[in-house]
Amino acid sequence: MNSGKVLLGALAGLTAGALLGILFAGEKGSDTRKKIAKKGEGYTDVLKEKINEFLGGITEKFEKAKEEVSFFAGQGKTKSEESEKDVKVVPK
C-alpha cells in the first residue's frame, strides 16, 4: 500500500473523529464555536510565524545568490579587461 494512501486515510479518520466529537459534545454550540475559534487563532499565529521564517530563509538565500552573481560578474569583467590589454591591435 502506498504511504500517501495510508496518510490520507489517517487524516480522513482523524477528521471524521473530530467532527463526530463536535457533533456529540455535551456543550452548547456557542461554547464549542468559541473553543474552535481560540484553537484557530493559535494555529494562525503558528502558521504566520512559520511563513515568516520560510520567507526570511528564502530572502537570505536570494541575497546570498545575488552577491555571488555580482562577485562572479566582477571577476568576468576583470578577466575580460585583462584579455583586452593582452590583445594587440593590428592596423589596416
Protein backbone atom coordinates (compact mmCIF):
# COMPACT_ATOMS: atom_id res chain seq x y z
CA MET A 1 0.00 0.00 0.00
CA ASN A 2 1.23 3.47 -0.86
CA SER A 3 2.30 5.56 2.13
CA GLY A 4 0.37 8.53 0.65
CA LYS A 5 -2.83 6.49 0.78
CA VAL A 6 -2.15 5.48 4.37
CA LEU A 7 -1.57 9.10 5.35
CA LEU A 8 -4.71 10.22 3.52
CA GLY A 9 -6.73 7.51 5.27
CA ALA A 10 -5.34 8.51 8.67
CA LEU A 11 -6.17 12.18 8.04
CA ALA A 12 -9.69 11.28 6.88
CA GLY A 13 -10.21 9.18 10.02
CA LEU A 14 -8.91 11.94 12.24
CA THR A 15 -11.18 14.49 10.58
CA ALA A 16 -14.23 12.22 10.84
CA GLY A 17 -13.48 11.58 14.51
CA ALA A 18 -13.12 15.28 15.24
CA LEU A 19 -16.40 16.09 13.51
CA LEU A 20 -18.26 13.34 15.36
CA GLY A 21 -16.77 14.55 18.64
CA ILE A 22 -18.03 18.05 17.96
CA LEU A 23 -21.50 16.83 16.96
CA PHE A 24 -21.94 14.68 20.05
CA ALA A 25 -20.28 17.05 22.52
CA GLY A 26 -22.30 17.86 25.62
CA GLU A 27 -21.60 21.59 25.37
CA LYS A 28 -23.64 24.35 23.82
CA GLY A 29 -22.88 25.26 20.23
CA SER A 30 -21.73 28.74 21.15
CA ASP A 31 -19.17 27.33 23.61
CA THR A 32 -17.92 24.88 21.01
CA ARG A 33 -17.59 27.62 18.40
CA LYS A 34 -15.60 29.76 20.86
CA LYS A 35 -13.22 26.87 21.54
CA ILE A 36 -12.77 26.25 17.81
CA ALA A 37 -12.10 29.96 17.23
CA LYS A 38 -9.47 30.05 20.00
CA LYS A 39 -7.76 26.97 18.58
CA GLY A 40 -7.84 28.55 15.13
CA GLU A 41 -6.17 31.71 16.42
CA GLY A 42 -3.38 29.64 17.94
CA TYR A 43 -2.84 27.79 14.67
CA THR A 44 -2.95 31.06 12.74
CA ASP A 45 -0.20 32.56 14.88
CA VAL A 46 1.98 29.47 14.46
CA LEU A 47 1.32 29.40 10.72
CA LYS A 48 2.23 33.11 10.36
CA GLU A 49 5.45 32.51 12.28
CA LYS A 50 6.40 29.54 10.08
CA ILE A 51 5.64 31.51 6.91
CA ASN A 52 7.78 34.42 8.14
CA GLU A 53 10.64 32.03 8.92
CA PHE A 54 10.32 30.46 5.47
CA LEU A 55 10.26 33.83 3.70
CA GLY A 56 13.21 35.03 5.77
CA GLY A 57 15.21 31.98 4.73
CA ILE A 58 14.28 32.45 1.07
CA THR A 59 15.21 36.14 1.22
CA GLU A 60 18.55 35.32 2.84
CA LYS A 61 19.35 32.73 0.17
CA PHE A 62 18.32 35.12 -2.59
CA GLU A 63 20.58 37.86 -1.24
CA LYS A 64 23.49 35.43 -0.97
CA ALA A 65 22.95 34.25 -4.55
CA LYS A 66 22.76 37.87 -5.73
CA GLU A 67 26.08 38.65 -4.04
CA GLU A 68 27.71 35.59 -5.62
CA VAL A 69 26.44 36.55 -9.07
CA SER A 70 27.79 40.08 -8.63
CA PHE A 71 31.13 38.69 -7.49
CA PHE A 72 31.43 36.34 -10.47
CA ALA A 73 30.29 39.06 -12.87
CA GLY A 74 33.01 41.32 -11.48
CA GLN A 75 35.59 38.57 -11.94
CA GLY A 76 34.44 38.04 -15.52
CA LYS A 77 34.70 41.76 -16.24
CA THR A 78 38.22 41.85 -14.80
CA LYS A 79 39.26 38.85 -16.91
CA SER A 80 37.74 40.48 -19.99
CA GLU A 81 39.63 43.73 -19.36
CA GLU A 82 42.88 41.80 -18.86
CA SER A 83 42.32 39.94 -22.13
CA GLU A 84 41.68 43.18 -23.98
CA LYS A 85 45.02 44.57 -22.74
CA ASP A 86 46.82 41.43 -23.93
CA VAL A 87 45.35 41.62 -27.44
CA LYS A 88 47.46 43.55 -29.92
CA VAL A 89 45.59 45.82 -32.31
CA VAL A 90 46.75 45.32 -35.88
CA PRO A 91 46.37 48.45 -38.07
CA LYS A 92 44.85 48.05 -41.52
